[in-house]
Amino acid sequence: MLRVGLTGGIGCGKSTVAAMMRELGCHVIEADPLAHQLMEPGRPAYQEILREFGSEILQSDGRVDRAKLGAMVFSGADKLLRLNAILHPRVLKELERQFSEFARANPAGVAVVEAALLIEAGYVKHLERLVVAWCRPEQQMERLLARGMPREQIEQRIAAQMPLEEKSRRADDVVDCSGSLEETRAQVERLVARLKQLAAA
């Protein structure tokens, strides 16, 4: 089995590339939903997050309000580091479990983990290939503004991530998501064909 990481900046086309890779036969694991599950009431991370950030981050039903938590942690790097220290080890453990499960059933398969902070979390050392979804910075800003995100929040989120150019330098493969969906898909088709060859070798 080939272990592949897919990362990129917020709004750069990472989820689009992940969906295309899934359609083309890769097993895609998204890290964000795993992190969200770990924050559910009754899960160990829930109590730690509550102790660290207080009950003001809760919704009326007792679940973590991710928008409130996001606003809090992206307002200061130390808070984001504290949240990541709670979540990352647990997410990595669950990723390992899912990779192992997939490898047993698909020894020549391609397994892809999609995560914004793949490099920052130090998970790259567990991977054999790193793919970065890239677009021009001005395009990244346009896309995020079109989603309705306030400019200040966008700037905080971008500042909290490794610069796109640095991510691209560390990548084995870069998918340029600046063009049309058809252009992106053509790149992803070529990429997946190469990854399948590597997995089967």
N, C-alpha and C. Protein backbone atom coordinates (compact mmCIF):
# COMPACT_ATOMS: atom_id res chain seq x y z
N MET A 1 0.83 -1.20 0.00
CA MET A 1 0.00 0.00 0.00
C MET A 1 0.87 1.25 0.00
N LEU A 2 0.46 2.24 -0.78
CA LEU A 2 1.19 3.51 -0.82
C LEU A 2 0.47 4.53 0.07
N ARG A 3 1.23 5.12 1.00
CA ARG A 3 0.68 6.14 1.90
C ARG A 3 0.96 7.52 1.31
N VAL A 4 -0.10 8.26 1.04
CA VAL A 4 0.02 9.57 0.41
C VAL A 4 -0.62 10.63 1.30
N GLY A 5 0.04 11.77 1.41
CA GLY A 5 -0.54 12.91 2.11
C GLY A 5 -0.98 13.95 1.11
N LEU A 6 -2.14 14.55 1.35
CA LEU A 6 -2.64 15.65 0.51
C LEU A 6 -2.87 16.86 1.40
N THR A 7 -2.20 17.94 1.10
CA THR A 7 -2.36 19.15 1.90
C THR A 7 -2.38 20.37 0.99
N GLY A 8 -2.47 21.53 1.60
CA GLY A 8 -2.53 22.79 0.85
C GLY A 8 -3.16 23.83 1.75
N GLY A 9 -3.12 25.07 1.33
CA GLY A 9 -3.71 26.13 2.14
C GLY A 9 -5.22 26.10 2.10
N ILE A 10 -5.85 26.77 3.05
CA ILE A 10 -7.30 26.89 3.07
C ILE A 10 -7.76 27.58 1.79
N GLY A 11 -8.78 27.01 1.12
CA GLY A 11 -9.30 27.61 -0.10
C GLY A 11 -8.50 27.36 -1.35
N CYS A 12 -7.54 26.43 -1.29
CA CYS A 12 -6.65 26.20 -2.45
C CYS A 12 -7.06 25.01 -3.31
N GLY A 13 -8.16 24.34 -2.98
CA GLY A 13 -8.62 23.24 -3.82
C GLY A 13 -8.32 21.85 -3.29
N LYS A 14 -7.88 21.77 -2.05
CA LYS A 14 -7.52 20.49 -1.43
C LYS A 14 -8.69 19.50 -1.44
N SER A 15 -9.87 19.97 -1.03
CA SER A 15 -11.05 19.09 -0.97
C SER A 15 -11.48 18.64 -2.36
N THR A 16 -11.35 19.53 -3.34
CA THR A 16 -11.68 19.18 -4.73
C THR A 16 -10.75 18.08 -5.23
N VAL A 17 -9.46 18.24 -4.97
CA VAL A 17 -8.48 17.22 -5.39
C VAL A 17 -8.76 15.90 -4.68
N ALA A 18 -9.09 15.96 -3.38
CA ALA A 18 -9.39 14.74 -2.62
C ALA A 18 -10.59 14.01 -3.21
N ALA A 19 -11.63 14.76 -3.57
CA ALA A 19 -12.83 14.15 -4.16
C ALA A 19 -12.50 13.48 -5.49
N MET A 20 -11.67 14.12 -6.29
CA MET A 20 -11.26 13.55 -7.58
C MET A 20 -10.44 12.28 -7.38
N MET A 21 -9.54 12.31 -6.39
CA MET A 21 -8.71 11.12 -6.12
C MET A 21 -9.58 9.96 -5.66
N ARG A 22 -10.61 10.28 -4.87
CA ARG A 22 -11.54 9.23 -4.41
C ARG A 22 -12.28 8.62 -5.60
N GLU A 23 -12.77 9.48 -6.51
CA GLU A 23 -13.48 9.01 -7.71
C GLU A 23 -12.59 8.11 -8.56
N LEU A 24 -11.28 8.39 -8.54
CA LEU A 24 -10.34 7.63 -9.38
C LEU A 24 -9.80 6.39 -8.67
N GLY A 25 -10.38 6.05 -7.52
CA GLY A 25 -10.05 4.77 -6.89
C GLY A 25 -9.12 4.81 -5.70
N CYS A 26 -8.73 6.00 -5.25
CA CYS A 26 -7.90 6.09 -4.04
C CYS A 26 -8.80 6.02 -2.81
N HIS A 27 -8.25 5.50 -1.73
CA HIS A 27 -8.95 5.49 -0.44
C HIS A 27 -8.57 6.78 0.27
N VAL A 28 -9.53 7.70 0.44
CA VAL A 28 -9.23 9.01 1.02
C VAL A 28 -9.76 9.10 2.45
N ILE A 29 -8.88 9.48 3.36
CA ILE A 29 -9.26 9.71 4.76
C ILE A 29 -9.13 11.21 5.02
N GLU A 30 -10.21 11.84 5.43
CA GLU A 30 -10.18 13.27 5.73
C GLU A 30 -9.91 13.47 7.22
N ALA A 31 -8.90 14.25 7.53
CA ALA A 31 -8.51 14.44 8.94
C ALA A 31 -9.50 15.33 9.70
N ASP A 32 -10.10 16.32 9.03
CA ASP A 32 -11.00 17.25 9.73
C ASP A 32 -12.18 16.54 10.39
N PRO A 33 -12.93 15.67 9.65
CA PRO A 33 -14.03 14.97 10.31
C PRO A 33 -13.56 14.10 11.49
N LEU A 34 -12.35 13.53 11.39
CA LEU A 34 -11.81 12.75 12.52
C LEU A 34 -11.65 13.65 13.73
N ALA A 35 -11.09 14.85 13.52
CA ALA A 35 -10.89 15.80 14.62
C ALA A 35 -12.23 16.22 15.21
N HIS A 36 -13.23 16.41 14.34
CA HIS A 36 -14.56 16.81 14.82
C HIS A 36 -15.17 15.71 15.69
N GLN A 37 -15.01 14.44 15.27
CA GLN A 37 -15.53 13.32 16.07
C GLN A 37 -14.87 13.26 17.44
N LEU A 38 -13.57 13.57 17.48
CA LEU A 38 -12.84 13.51 18.75
C LEU A 38 -13.29 14.59 19.73
N MET A 39 -13.97 15.63 19.22
CA MET A 39 -14.45 16.72 20.08
C MET A 39 -15.88 16.49 20.57
N GLU A 40 -16.48 15.35 20.19
CA GLU A 40 -17.85 15.08 20.60
C GLU A 40 -17.92 14.79 22.10
N PRO A 41 -19.04 15.14 22.77
CA PRO A 41 -19.19 14.81 24.19
C PRO A 41 -18.96 13.32 24.44
N GLY A 42 -18.25 13.02 25.51
CA GLY A 42 -17.96 11.62 25.85
C GLY A 42 -16.62 11.14 25.31
N ARG A 43 -16.04 11.86 24.35
CA ARG A 43 -14.72 11.49 23.84
C ARG A 43 -13.66 12.16 24.71
N PRO A 44 -12.49 11.53 24.88
CA PRO A 44 -11.46 12.09 25.78
C PRO A 44 -11.04 13.52 25.46
N ALA A 45 -10.95 13.87 24.18
CA ALA A 45 -10.52 15.22 23.81
C ALA A 45 -11.52 16.28 24.25
N TYR A 46 -12.80 15.90 24.35
CA TYR A 46 -13.85 16.85 24.73
C TYR A 46 -13.56 17.47 26.09
N GLN A 47 -13.28 16.62 27.08
CA GLN A 47 -13.01 17.14 28.44
C GLN A 47 -11.76 18.00 28.47
N GLU A 48 -10.74 17.59 27.75
CA GLU A 48 -9.50 18.37 27.72
C GLU A 48 -9.72 19.75 27.09
N ILE A 49 -10.49 19.77 26.01
CA ILE A 49 -10.78 21.05 25.33
C ILE A 49 -11.60 21.96 26.24
N LEU A 50 -12.54 21.35 26.95
CA LEU A 50 -13.38 22.11 27.88
C LEU A 50 -12.53 22.71 29.01
N ARG A 51 -11.62 21.91 29.55
CA ARG A 51 -10.73 22.41 30.62
C ARG A 51 -9.84 23.54 30.10
N GLU A 52 -9.38 23.39 28.87
CA GLU A 52 -8.43 24.36 28.31
C GLU A 52 -9.11 25.67 27.89
N PHE A 53 -10.31 25.58 27.30
CA PHE A 53 -10.91 26.76 26.68
C PHE A 53 -12.20 27.24 27.34
N GLY A 54 -12.73 26.49 28.30
CA GLY A 54 -13.90 26.95 29.05
C GLY A 54 -15.23 26.63 28.39
N SER A 55 -16.30 26.73 29.18
CA SER A 55 -17.63 26.34 28.71
C SER A 55 -18.24 27.32 27.71
N GLU A 56 -17.61 28.50 27.53
CA GLU A 56 -18.16 29.48 26.58
C GLU A 56 -18.05 29.01 25.13
N ILE A 57 -17.28 27.94 24.89
CA ILE A 57 -17.17 27.41 23.51
C ILE A 57 -18.26 26.38 23.21
N LEU A 58 -19.17 26.14 24.17
CA LEU A 58 -20.20 25.12 23.97
C LEU A 58 -21.48 25.70 23.38
N GLN A 59 -22.17 24.85 22.61
CA GLN A 59 -23.51 25.17 22.14
C GLN A 59 -24.49 24.82 23.25
N SER A 60 -25.77 25.15 23.05
CA SER A 60 -26.78 24.86 24.09
C SER A 60 -26.96 23.36 24.33
N ASP A 61 -26.62 22.53 23.32
CA ASP A 61 -26.76 21.07 23.49
C ASP A 61 -25.52 20.43 24.11
N GLY A 62 -24.54 21.26 24.50
CA GLY A 62 -23.34 20.73 25.16
C GLY A 62 -22.22 20.35 24.22
N ARG A 63 -22.46 20.43 22.91
CA ARG A 63 -21.40 20.10 21.95
C ARG A 63 -20.53 21.33 21.71
N VAL A 64 -19.31 21.07 21.25
CA VAL A 64 -18.37 22.17 20.98
C VAL A 64 -18.86 22.97 19.78
N ASP A 65 -18.95 24.28 19.95
CA ASP A 65 -19.27 25.18 18.84
C ASP A 65 -17.95 25.46 18.11
N ARG A 66 -17.77 24.80 16.96
CA ARG A 66 -16.48 24.87 16.27
C ARG A 66 -16.18 26.29 15.77
N ALA A 67 -17.22 27.05 15.45
CA ALA A 67 -17.00 28.44 15.00
C ALA A 67 -16.43 29.28 16.14
N LYS A 68 -17.00 29.11 17.34
CA LYS A 68 -16.51 29.86 18.51
C LYS A 68 -15.09 29.42 18.87
N LEU A 69 -14.87 28.11 18.85
CA LEU A 69 -13.53 27.60 19.17
C LEU A 69 -12.52 28.10 18.14
N GLY A 70 -12.91 28.08 16.86
CA GLY A 70 -12.03 28.56 15.79
C GLY A 70 -11.67 30.02 15.97
N ALA A 71 -12.68 30.85 16.28
CA ALA A 71 -12.43 32.28 16.48
C ALA A 71 -11.46 32.49 17.64
N MET A 72 -11.60 31.65 18.68
CA MET A 72 -10.73 31.79 19.85
C MET A 72 -9.30 31.38 19.53
N VAL A 73 -9.12 30.21 18.90
CA VAL A 73 -7.75 29.70 18.70
C VAL A 73 -7.00 30.46 17.61
N PHE A 74 -7.72 30.98 16.62
CA PHE A 74 -7.02 31.70 15.55
C PHE A 74 -6.71 33.15 15.93
N SER A 75 -7.16 33.55 17.13
CA SER A 75 -6.83 34.91 17.59
C SER A 75 -5.47 34.95 18.29
N GLY A 76 -4.89 33.76 18.55
CA GLY A 76 -3.58 33.73 19.20
C GLY A 76 -2.88 32.41 18.95
N ALA A 77 -1.63 32.47 18.51
CA ALA A 77 -0.90 31.26 18.12
C ALA A 77 -0.77 30.27 19.27
N ASP A 78 -0.62 30.77 20.51
CA ASP A 78 -0.45 29.87 21.65
C ASP A 78 -1.71 29.03 21.87
N LYS A 79 -2.89 29.62 21.63
CA LYS A 79 -4.15 28.88 21.79
C LYS A 79 -4.27 27.78 20.73
N LEU A 80 -3.87 28.11 19.51
CA LEU A 80 -3.91 27.11 18.44
C LEU A 80 -2.96 25.96 18.74
N LEU A 81 -1.78 26.29 19.26
CA LEU A 81 -0.82 25.25 19.65
C LEU A 81 -1.40 24.34 20.72
N ARG A 82 -2.13 24.94 21.68
CA ARG A 82 -2.71 24.14 22.76
C ARG A 82 -3.80 23.20 22.23
N LEU A 83 -4.63 23.71 21.31
CA LEU A 83 -5.66 22.86 20.72
C LEU A 83 -5.02 21.73 19.91
N ASN A 84 -4.01 22.07 19.11
CA ASN A 84 -3.34 21.05 18.30
C ASN A 84 -2.67 19.99 19.16
N ALA A 85 -2.14 20.40 20.32
CA ALA A 85 -1.50 19.43 21.23
C ALA A 85 -2.52 18.43 21.77
N ILE A 86 -3.77 18.86 21.90
CA ILE A 86 -4.83 17.95 22.36
C ILE A 86 -5.28 17.03 21.22
N LEU A 87 -5.50 17.60 20.04
CA LEU A 87 -6.11 16.85 18.94
C LEU A 87 -5.14 16.03 18.09
N HIS A 88 -3.99 16.61 17.74
CA HIS A 88 -3.11 15.94 16.77
C HIS A 88 -2.70 14.52 17.15
N PRO A 89 -2.24 14.26 18.39
CA PRO A 89 -1.84 12.88 18.70
C PRO A 89 -2.99 11.88 18.53
N ARG A 90 -4.20 12.32 18.87
CA ARG A 90 -5.36 11.42 18.75
C ARG A 90 -5.76 11.21 17.29
N VAL A 91 -5.68 12.27 16.50
CA VAL A 91 -5.98 12.15 15.06
C VAL A 91 -4.96 11.22 14.40
N LEU A 92 -3.68 11.39 14.74
CA LEU A 92 -2.63 10.56 14.14
C LEU A 92 -2.82 9.09 14.50
N LYS A 93 -3.22 8.83 15.73
CA LYS A 93 -3.45 7.44 16.17
C LYS A 93 -4.59 6.81 15.36
N GLU A 94 -5.66 7.57 15.15
CA GLU A 94 -6.80 7.07 14.37
C GLU A 94 -6.43 6.90 12.90
N LEU A 95 -5.62 7.80 12.36
CA LEU A 95 -5.15 7.65 10.97
C LEU A 95 -4.35 6.36 10.81
N GLU A 96 -3.47 6.09 11.77
CA GLU A 96 -2.67 4.87 11.72
C GLU A 96 -3.57 3.63 11.72
N ARG A 97 -4.61 3.67 12.56
CA ARG A 97 -5.54 2.53 12.63
C ARG A 97 -6.24 2.33 11.28
N GLN A 98 -6.70 3.43 10.67
CA GLN A 98 -7.40 3.32 9.39
C GLN A 98 -6.46 2.90 8.25
N PHE A 99 -5.24 3.41 8.26
CA PHE A 99 -4.25 3.00 7.25
C PHE A 99 -3.99 1.48 7.35
N SER A 100 -3.80 1.00 8.57
CA SER A 100 -3.51 -0.43 8.78
C SER A 100 -4.66 -1.30 8.30
N GLU A 101 -5.87 -0.86 8.61
CA GLU A 101 -7.07 -1.60 8.20
C GLU A 101 -7.16 -1.68 6.67
N PHE A 102 -6.92 -0.55 6.01
CA PHE A 102 -6.98 -0.50 4.54
C PHE A 102 -5.87 -1.35 3.93
N ALA A 103 -4.66 -1.29 4.51
CA ALA A 103 -3.51 -2.02 3.96
C ALA A 103 -3.75 -3.53 3.99
N ARG A 104 -4.41 -4.01 5.04
CA ARG A 104 -4.68 -5.45 5.14
C ARG A 104 -5.57 -5.92 3.99
N ALA A 105 -6.56 -5.11 3.64
CA ALA A 105 -7.51 -5.48 2.60
C ALA A 105 -7.02 -5.11 1.20
N ASN A 106 -6.14 -4.11 1.11
CA ASN A 106 -5.69 -3.59 -0.19
C ASN A 106 -4.18 -3.38 -0.21
N PRO A 107 -3.40 -4.46 -0.21
CA PRO A 107 -1.95 -4.30 -0.13
C PRO A 107 -1.33 -3.51 -1.27
N ALA A 108 -2.01 -3.41 -2.43
CA ALA A 108 -1.47 -2.64 -3.55
C ALA A 108 -2.30 -1.37 -3.81
N GLY A 109 -3.04 -0.94 -2.78
CA GLY A 109 -3.90 0.24 -2.94
C GLY A 109 -3.18 1.54 -2.67
N VAL A 110 -3.87 2.65 -2.94
CA VAL A 110 -3.35 3.99 -2.65
C VAL A 110 -4.24 4.61 -1.57
N ALA A 111 -3.66 4.88 -0.41
CA ALA A 111 -4.40 5.51 0.69
C ALA A 111 -3.92 6.95 0.84
N VAL A 112 -4.88 7.87 0.88
CA VAL A 112 -4.57 9.30 0.92
C VAL A 112 -5.16 9.91 2.18
N VAL A 113 -4.34 10.61 2.95
CA VAL A 113 -4.88 11.38 4.07
C VAL A 113 -4.88 12.86 3.68
N GLU A 114 -6.06 13.48 3.79
CA GLU A 114 -6.20 14.90 3.45
C GLU A 114 -6.26 15.70 4.73
N ALA A 115 -5.31 16.63 4.90
CA ALA A 115 -5.27 17.46 6.11
C ALA A 115 -4.57 18.78 5.82
N ALA A 116 -5.12 19.85 6.36
CA ALA A 116 -4.52 21.18 6.15
C ALA A 116 -3.17 21.30 6.84
N LEU A 117 -3.04 20.67 8.02
CA LEU A 117 -1.83 20.83 8.83
C LEU A 117 -0.95 19.57 8.84
N LEU A 118 -0.96 18.86 7.74
CA LEU A 118 -0.20 17.61 7.63
C LEU A 118 1.28 17.80 7.93
N ILE A 119 1.87 18.84 7.36
CA ILE A 119 3.30 19.10 7.56
C ILE A 119 3.53 19.63 8.97
N GLU A 120 2.68 20.61 9.36
CA GLU A 120 2.84 21.24 10.67
C GLU A 120 2.68 20.23 11.81
N ALA A 121 1.83 19.22 11.62
CA ALA A 121 1.60 18.21 12.67
C ALA A 121 2.71 17.17 12.73
N GLY A 122 3.64 17.22 11.77
CA GLY A 122 4.76 16.28 11.77
C GLY A 122 4.40 14.90 11.26
N TYR A 123 3.27 14.79 10.54
CA TYR A 123 2.83 13.47 10.09
C TYR A 123 3.51 13.02 8.80
N VAL A 124 4.21 13.93 8.14
CA VAL A 124 4.82 13.63 6.84
C VAL A 124 5.79 12.45 6.92
N LYS A 125 6.44 12.30 8.06
CA LYS A 125 7.42 11.20 8.20
C LYS A 125 6.76 9.82 8.12
N HIS A 126 5.43 9.77 8.26
CA HIS A 126 4.71 8.49 8.16
C HIS A 126 4.20 8.23 6.74
N LEU A 127 4.53 9.13 5.81
CA LEU A 127 4.00 9.04 4.45
C LEU A 127 5.11 8.75 3.43
N GLU A 128 4.69 8.22 2.28
CA GLU A 128 5.66 7.94 1.22
C GLU A 128 5.64 9.00 0.12
N ARG A 129 4.52 9.71 -0.02
CA ARG A 129 4.42 10.79 -1.01
C ARG A 129 3.64 11.94 -0.40
N LEU A 130 4.00 13.15 -0.81
CA LEU A 130 3.27 14.34 -0.36
C LEU A 130 2.77 15.12 -1.58
N VAL A 131 1.47 15.35 -1.62
CA VAL A 131 0.83 16.10 -2.71
C VAL A 131 0.32 17.42 -2.12
N VAL A 132 0.59 18.52 -2.81
CA VAL A 132 0.11 19.83 -2.37
C VAL A 132 -0.82 20.41 -3.42
N ALA A 133 -2.02 20.82 -2.97
CA ALA A 133 -2.96 21.56 -3.83
C ALA A 133 -2.59 23.04 -3.73
N TRP A 134 -2.34 23.66 -4.86
CA TRP A 134 -1.82 25.03 -4.89
C TRP A 134 -2.72 25.92 -5.73
N CYS A 135 -2.83 27.18 -5.34
CA CYS A 135 -3.41 28.20 -6.23
C CYS A 135 -2.74 29.53 -5.91
N ARG A 136 -2.96 30.52 -6.75
CA ARG A 136 -2.35 31.83 -6.52
C ARG A 136 -2.94 32.47 -5.27
N PRO A 137 -2.13 33.18 -4.47
CA PRO A 137 -2.63 33.78 -3.22
C PRO A 137 -3.85 34.68 -3.41
N GLU A 138 -3.87 35.47 -4.49
CA GLU A 138 -5.01 36.36 -4.71
C GLU A 138 -6.28 35.56 -5.00
N GLN A 139 -6.10 34.40 -5.64
CA GLN A 139 -7.23 33.52 -5.93
C GLN A 139 -7.73 32.86 -4.64
N GLN A 140 -6.80 32.49 -3.78
CA GLN A 140 -7.15 31.93 -2.47
C GLN A 140 -8.03 32.92 -1.70
N MET A 141 -7.63 34.18 -1.66
CA MET A 141 -8.39 35.21 -0.96
C MET A 141 -9.78 35.38 -1.59
N GLU A 142 -9.84 35.42 -2.93
CA GLU A 142 -11.13 35.58 -3.63
C GLU A 142 -12.09 34.44 -3.28
N ARG A 143 -11.58 33.21 -3.29
CA ARG A 143 -12.42 32.04 -3.00
C ARG A 143 -12.97 32.09 -1.58
N LEU A 144 -12.13 32.47 -0.63
CA LEU A 144 -12.56 32.49 0.77
C LEU A 144 -13.53 33.64 1.03
N LEU A 145 -13.32 34.77 0.38
CA LEU A 145 -14.29 35.88 0.50
C LEU A 145 -15.63 35.46 -0.09
N ALA A 146 -15.59 34.70 -1.19
CA ALA A 146 -16.83 34.23 -1.83
C ALA A 146 -17.59 33.25 -0.93
N ARG A 147 -16.87 32.58 -0.02
CA ARG A 147 -17.53 31.68 0.95
C ARG A 147 -18.20 32.46 2.08
N GLY A 148 -17.96 33.77 2.10
CA GLY A 148 -18.56 34.59 3.15
C GLY A 148 -17.70 34.77 4.38
N MET A 149 -16.44 34.37 4.30
CA MET A 149 -15.55 34.54 5.45
C MET A 149 -15.07 35.99 5.52
N PRO A 150 -15.06 36.60 6.72
CA PRO A 150 -14.52 37.96 6.84
C PRO A 150 -13.02 37.98 6.54
N ARG A 151 -12.56 39.06 5.92
CA ARG A 151 -11.16 39.17 5.51
C ARG A 151 -10.20 38.95 6.70
N GLU A 152 -10.53 39.53 7.86
CA GLU A 152 -9.65 39.40 9.03
C GLU A 152 -9.50 37.93 9.44
N GLN A 153 -10.62 37.20 9.40
CA GLN A 153 -10.59 35.78 9.76
C GLN A 153 -9.76 34.99 8.75
N ILE A 154 -9.91 35.33 7.47
CA ILE A 154 -9.13 34.66 6.42
C ILE A 154 -7.64 34.87 6.67
N GLU A 155 -7.26 36.12 6.95
CA GLU A 155 -5.84 36.44 7.17
C GLU A 155 -5.29 35.69 8.38
N GLN A 156 -6.11 35.55 9.45
CA GLN A 156 -5.68 34.80 10.64
C GLN A 156 -5.44 33.33 10.29
N ARG A 157 -6.38 32.75 9.52
CA ARG A 157 -6.26 31.33 9.16
C ARG A 157 -5.05 31.07 8.27
N ILE A 158 -4.84 31.95 7.30
CA ILE A 158 -3.70 31.79 6.40
C ILE A 158 -2.39 31.94 7.18
N ALA A 159 -2.35 32.92 8.10
CA ALA A 159 -1.14 33.16 8.90
C ALA A 159 -0.82 31.98 9.81
N ALA A 160 -1.85 31.21 10.20
CA ALA A 160 -1.64 30.08 11.11
C ALA A 160 -1.09 28.85 10.39
N GLN A 161 -1.10 28.88 9.05
CA GLN A 161 -0.60 27.75 8.26
C GLN A 161 0.76 28.07 7.66
N MET A 162 1.50 27.02 7.38
CA MET A 162 2.78 27.19 6.68
C MET A 162 2.51 27.85 5.32
N PRO A 163 3.37 28.80 4.90
CA PRO A 163 3.15 29.44 3.59
C PRO A 163 3.06 28.41 2.46
N LEU A 164 2.17 28.70 1.51
CA LEU A 164 1.94 27.78 0.39
C LEU A 164 3.20 27.45 -0.38
N GLU A 165 4.05 28.45 -0.58
CA GLU A 165 5.28 28.21 -1.35
C GLU A 165 6.18 27.22 -0.63
N GLU A 166 6.22 27.31 0.70
CA GLU A 166 7.04 26.38 1.49
C GLU A 166 6.46 24.97 1.40
N LYS A 167 5.13 24.86 1.48
CA LYS A 167 4.49 23.54 1.34
C LYS A 167 4.81 22.95 -0.03
N SER A 168 4.73 23.79 -1.05
CA SER A 168 4.99 23.32 -2.42
C SER A 168 6.42 22.82 -2.58
N ARG A 169 7.37 23.50 -1.92
CA ARG A 169 8.78 23.08 -2.01
C ARG A 169 8.98 21.69 -1.39
N ARG A 170 8.19 21.36 -0.40
CA ARG A 170 8.34 20.07 0.29
C ARG A 170 7.60 18.93 -0.42
N ALA A 171 6.78 19.28 -1.40
CA ALA A 171 5.91 18.30 -2.05
C ALA A 171 6.64 17.43 -3.06
N ASP A 172 6.17 16.19 -3.22
CA ASP A 172 6.61 15.33 -4.32
C ASP A 172 5.83 15.69 -5.58
N ASP A 173 4.58 16.11 -5.39
CA ASP A 173 3.71 16.47 -6.51
C ASP A 173 2.90 17.71 -6.12
N VAL A 174 2.76 18.65 -7.05
CA VAL A 174 1.93 19.84 -6.83
C VAL A 174 0.82 19.85 -7.87
N VAL A 175 -0.43 19.99 -7.40
CA VAL A 175 -1.57 20.12 -8.31
C VAL A 175 -1.95 21.59 -8.34
N ASP A 176 -1.85 22.21 -9.51
CA ASP A 176 -2.19 23.62 -9.67
C ASP A 176 -3.70 23.75 -9.87
N CYS A 177 -4.37 24.28 -8.84
CA CYS A 177 -5.83 24.41 -8.87
C CYS A 177 -6.28 25.81 -9.27
N SER A 178 -5.40 26.54 -9.97
CA SER A 178 -5.73 27.92 -10.38
C SER A 178 -6.63 27.96 -11.60
N GLY A 179 -6.62 26.89 -12.39
CA GLY A 179 -7.38 26.89 -13.64
C GLY A 179 -8.78 26.32 -13.48
N SER A 180 -9.31 25.79 -14.57
CA SER A 180 -10.67 25.22 -14.57
C SER A 180 -10.66 23.87 -13.87
N LEU A 181 -11.85 23.38 -13.54
CA LEU A 181 -11.98 22.05 -12.93
C LEU A 181 -11.44 20.98 -13.87
N GLU A 182 -11.66 21.17 -15.17
CA GLU A 182 -11.18 20.20 -16.17
C GLU A 182 -9.65 20.13 -16.16
N GLU A 183 -9.01 21.30 -16.04
CA GLU A 183 -7.54 21.34 -16.00
C GLU A 183 -7.02 20.67 -14.73
N THR A 184 -7.71 20.92 -13.62
CA THR A 184 -7.31 20.28 -12.35
C THR A 184 -7.48 18.77 -12.46
N ARG A 185 -8.62 18.34 -13.02
CA ARG A 185 -8.89 16.91 -13.12
C ARG A 185 -7.85 16.20 -13.99
N ALA A 186 -7.43 16.83 -15.07
CA ALA A 186 -6.42 16.23 -15.95
C ALA A 186 -5.13 15.99 -15.17
N GLN A 187 -4.74 16.95 -14.33
CA GLN A 187 -3.53 16.78 -13.50
C GLN A 187 -3.71 15.64 -12.50
N VAL A 188 -4.91 15.59 -11.89
CA VAL A 188 -5.17 14.57 -10.87
C VAL A 188 -5.20 13.18 -11.50
N GLU A 189 -5.74 13.07 -12.70
CA GLU A 189 -5.76 11.77 -13.40
C GLU A 189 -4.34 11.27 -13.65
N ARG A 190 -3.46 12.17 -14.10
CA ARG A 190 -2.06 11.78 -14.34
C ARG A 190 -1.39 11.39 -13.02
N LEU A 191 -1.66 12.17 -11.98
CA LEU A 191 -1.07 11.91 -10.66
C LEU A 191 -1.50 10.55 -10.13
N VAL A 192 -2.80 10.26 -10.17
CA VAL A 192 -3.31 9.00 -9.63
C VAL A 192 -2.76 7.81 -10.41
N ALA A 193 -2.62 7.95 -11.72
CA ALA A 193 -2.04 6.87 -12.54
C ALA A 193 -0.61 6.57 -12.06
N ARG A 194 0.17 7.62 -11.77
CA ARG A 194 1.55 7.43 -11.27
C ARG A 194 1.53 6.77 -9.89
N LEU A 195 0.64 7.24 -9.02
CA LEU A 195 0.58 6.69 -7.66
C LEU A 195 0.19 5.22 -7.67
N LYS A 196 -0.73 4.85 -8.55
CA LYS A 196 -1.14 3.44 -8.65
C LYS A 196 0.02 2.57 -9.14
N GLN A 197 0.82 3.11 -10.06
CA GLN A 197 2.01 2.38 -10.52
C GLN A 197 2.98 2.16 -9.36
N LEU A 198 3.20 3.21 -8.57
CA LEU A 198 4.11 3.10 -7.41
C LEU A 198 3.58 2.10 -6.39
N ALA A 199 2.26 2.12 -6.17
CA ALA A 199 1.66 1.22 -5.18
C ALA A 199 1.79 -0.24 -5.61
N ALA A 200 1.73 -0.46 -6.91
CA ALA A 200 1.78 -1.83 -7.43
C ALA A 200 3.20 -2.35 -7.57
N ALA A 201 4.18 -1.45 -7.52
CA ALA A 201 5.58 -1.84 -7.77
C ALA A 201 6.13 -2.73 -6.65
